């Protein structure tokens, strides 16, 4: 998880706590290149995002807003990260920390 934490910090300047994998998917893009994504539940109390030169935009959004801005696999990953997985388990409400 240290590599993921380091990558998050390099790309956003955020220090994040990595919890667990919530989803994984693969696809072929428009250039016929295979792609693979692993989605993790992460937390941070920081609010200021400083993007690396590889990115152009960021936003803090509520999980219910992701269907309007993300593709279905990413929206499903957000849902998995913010929905309890076991009876009587709870997900800490950190919806104000969600980002795309």
C-alpha atoms as a PDB file:
ATOM      1  CA  UNK A   1       0.000   0.000   0.000  1.00  0.00           C
ATOM      2  CA  UNK A   2       2.979   2.309   0.405  1.00  0.00           C
ATOM      3  CA  UNK A   3       3.340   2.547  -3.383  1.00  0.00           C
ATOM      4  CA  UNK A   4      -0.305   3.612  -3.735  1.00  0.00           C
ATOM      5  CA  UNK A   5       0.036   6.169  -0.943  1.00  0.00           C
ATOM      6  CA  UNK A   6       3.157   7.559  -2.604  1.00  0.00           C
ATOM      7  CA  UNK A   7       1.405   7.754  -5.999  1.00  0.00           C
ATOM      8  CA  UNK A   8      -1.617   9.538  -4.507  1.00  0.00           C
ATOM      9  CA  UNK A   9       0.711  12.052  -2.868  1.00  0.00           C
ATOM     10  CA  UNK A  10       2.747  12.577  -6.060  1.00  0.00           C
ATOM     11  CA  UNK A  11      -0.379  13.158  -8.173  1.00  0.00           C
ATOM     12  CA  UNK A  12      -2.467  15.195  -5.689  1.00  0.00           C
ATOM     13  CA  UNK A  13      -0.235  16.257  -2.758  1.00  0.00           C
ATOM     14  CA  UNK A  14      -2.734  14.454  -0.478  1.00  0.00           C
ATOM     15  CA  UNK A  15      -1.696  12.095   2.300  1.00  0.00           C
ATOM     16  CA  UNK A  16      -4.179   9.222   2.181  1.00  0.00           C
ATOM     17  CA  UNK A  17      -4.989   6.207   4.298  1.00  0.00           C
ATOM     18  CA  UNK A  18      -5.539   3.213   2.004  1.00  0.00           C
ATOM     19  CA  UNK A  19      -8.216   0.876   3.362  1.00  0.00           C
ATOM     20  CA  UNK A  20      -8.966  -1.939   0.878  1.00  0.00           C
ATOM     21  CA  UNK A  21      -9.640  -2.900  -2.733  1.00  0.00           C
ATOM     22  CA  UNK A  22     -13.293  -2.348  -3.639  1.00  0.00           C
ATOM     23  CA  UNK A  23     -13.305  -3.175  -7.365  1.00  0.00           C
ATOM     24  CA  UNK A  24     -11.171  -4.114 -10.364  1.00  0.00           C
ATOM     25  CA  UNK A  25     -11.930  -4.036 -14.074  1.00  0.00           C
ATOM     26  CA  UNK A  26     -10.311  -4.310 -17.474  1.00  0.00           C
ATOM     27  CA  UNK A  27     -11.151  -2.977 -20.920  1.00  0.00           C
ATOM     28  CA  UNK A  28      -9.725  -2.198 -24.351  1.00  0.00           C
ATOM     29  CA  UNK A  29      -9.526   1.513 -25.152  1.00  0.00           C
ATOM     30  CA  UNK A  30     -10.144   3.253 -28.485  1.00  0.00           C
ATOM     31  CA  UNK A  31      -6.543   2.627 -29.560  1.00  0.00           C
ATOM     32  CA  UNK A  32      -7.041  -1.122 -29.018  1.00  0.00           C
ATOM     33  CA  UNK A  33      -4.797  -1.063 -25.921  1.00  0.00           C
ATOM     34  CA  UNK A  34      -5.640  -3.257 -22.952  1.00  0.00           C
ATOM     35  CA  UNK A  35      -6.244  -1.411 -19.690  1.00  0.00           C
ATOM     36  CA  UNK A  36      -6.699  -2.574 -16.094  1.00  0.00           C
ATOM     37  CA  UNK A  37      -7.853  -0.581 -13.056  1.00  0.00           C
ATOM     38  CA  UNK A  38      -7.941  -1.415  -9.363  1.00  0.00           C
ATOM     39  CA  UNK A  39     -10.114   0.825  -7.170  1.00  0.00           C
ATOM     40  CA  UNK A  40      -9.348   1.285  -3.464  1.00  0.00           C
ATOM     41  CA  UNK A  41     -11.231   2.806  -0.568  1.00  0.00           C
ATOM     42  CA  UNK A  42      -9.043   5.632   0.721  1.00  0.00           C
ATOM     43  CA  UNK A  43      -9.437   8.374   3.311  1.00  0.00           C
ATOM     44  CA  UNK A  44      -7.894  11.771   3.899  1.00  0.00           C
ATOM     45  CA  UNK A  45      -8.738  14.716   6.105  1.00  0.00           C
ATOM     46  CA  UNK A  46      -6.931  17.110   3.787  1.00  0.00           C
ATOM     47  CA  UNK A  47      -8.947  19.387   1.511  1.00  0.00           C
ATOM     48  CA  UNK A  48      -6.381  21.140  -0.676  1.00  0.00           C
ATOM     49  CA  UNK A  49      -5.511  19.265  -3.869  1.00  0.00           C
ATOM     50  CA  UNK A  50      -2.359  20.231  -5.746  1.00  0.00           C
ATOM     51  CA  UNK A  51      -2.399  18.338  -9.028  1.00  0.00           C
ATOM     52  CA  UNK A  52       0.724  17.156 -10.793  1.00  0.00           C
ATOM     53  CA  UNK A  53       1.302  18.272 -14.373  1.00  0.00           C
ATOM     54  CA  UNK A  54      -0.261  14.979 -15.544  1.00  0.00           C
ATOM     55  CA  UNK A  55      -3.744  16.185 -14.505  1.00  0.00           C
ATOM     56  CA  UNK A  56      -5.884  19.174 -15.402  1.00  0.00           C
ATOM     57  CA  UNK A  57      -8.813  19.154 -12.969  1.00  0.00           C
ATOM     58  CA  UNK A  58     -10.119  17.795  -9.683  1.00  0.00           C
ATOM     59  CA  UNK A  59     -13.291  18.120  -7.612  1.00  0.00           C
ATOM     60  CA  UNK A  60     -14.673  16.934  -4.282  1.00  0.00           C
ATOM     61  CA  UNK A  61     -18.077  15.363  -4.952  1.00  0.00           C
ATOM     62  CA  UNK A  62     -20.670  13.335  -3.087  1.00  0.00           C
ATOM     63  CA  UNK A  63     -20.927   9.637  -4.020  1.00  0.00           C
ATOM     64  CA  UNK A  64     -24.462  10.167  -5.375  1.00  0.00           C
ATOM     65  CA  UNK A  65     -23.071  12.704  -7.884  1.00  0.00           C
ATOM     66  CA  UNK A  66     -20.566  10.308  -9.470  1.00  0.00           C
ATOM     67  CA  UNK A  67     -23.023   8.796 -11.966  1.00  0.00           C
ATOM     68  CA  UNK A  68     -23.082  12.156 -13.753  1.00  0.00           C
ATOM     69  CA  UNK A  69     -19.305  12.505 -14.090  1.00  0.00           C
ATOM     70  CA  UNK A  70     -17.776   9.002 -14.069  1.00  0.00           C
ATOM     71  CA  UNK A  71     -18.213   5.933 -16.238  1.00  0.00           C
ATOM     72  CA  UNK A  72     -20.210   2.993 -14.862  1.00  0.00           C
ATOM     73  CA  UNK A  73     -17.219   0.946 -13.570  1.00  0.00           C
ATOM     74  CA  UNK A  74     -15.882   3.915 -11.590  1.00  0.00           C
ATOM     75  CA  UNK A  75     -19.361   4.744 -10.281  1.00  0.00           C
ATOM     76  CA  UNK A  76     -19.753   1.113  -9.173  1.00  0.00           C
ATOM     77  CA  UNK A  77     -16.397   1.328  -7.377  1.00  0.00           C
ATOM     78  CA  UNK A  78     -17.520   4.473  -5.525  1.00  0.00           C
ATOM     79  CA  UNK A  79     -20.736   2.665  -4.558  1.00  0.00           C
ATOM     80  CA  UNK A  80     -18.734  -0.341  -3.312  1.00  0.00           C
ATOM     81  CA  UNK A  81     -16.454   1.932  -1.282  1.00  0.00           C
ATOM     82  CA  UNK A  82     -19.334   3.766   0.387  1.00  0.00           C
ATOM     83  CA  UNK A  83     -21.741   0.864   1.037  1.00  0.00           C
ATOM     84  CA  UNK A  84     -21.442  -1.493   4.042  1.00  0.00           C
ATOM     85  CA  UNK A  85     -20.301  -4.971   2.965  1.00  0.00           C
ATOM     86  CA  UNK A  86     -21.541  -7.042   5.891  1.00  0.00           C
ATOM     87  CA  UNK A  87     -24.703  -7.025   8.012  1.00  0.00           C
ATOM     88  CA  UNK A  88     -24.364  -4.605  10.932  1.00  0.00           C
ATOM     89  CA  UNK A  89     -21.184  -3.137   9.459  1.00  0.00           C
ATOM     90  CA  UNK A  90     -20.977   0.536   8.802  1.00  0.00           C
ATOM     91  CA  UNK A  91     -19.110   2.783   6.473  1.00  0.00           C
ATOM     92  CA  UNK A  92     -17.854   5.940   8.097  1.00  0.00           C
ATOM     93  CA  UNK A  93     -19.538   8.866   6.358  1.00  0.00           C
ATOM     94  CA  UNK A  94     -16.648  10.508   4.595  1.00  0.00           C
ATOM     95  CA  UNK A  95     -18.720  11.505   1.584  1.00  0.00           C
ATOM     96  CA  UNK A  96     -17.316  15.002   1.713  1.00  0.00           C
ATOM     97  CA  UNK A  97     -13.940  13.432   0.964  1.00  0.00           C
ATOM     98  CA  UNK A  98     -14.968  11.715  -2.279  1.00  0.00           C
ATOM     99  CA  UNK A  99     -13.135  12.847  -5.421  1.00  0.00           C
ATOM    100  CA  UNK A 100     -12.888  11.954  -9.041  1.00  0.00           C
END
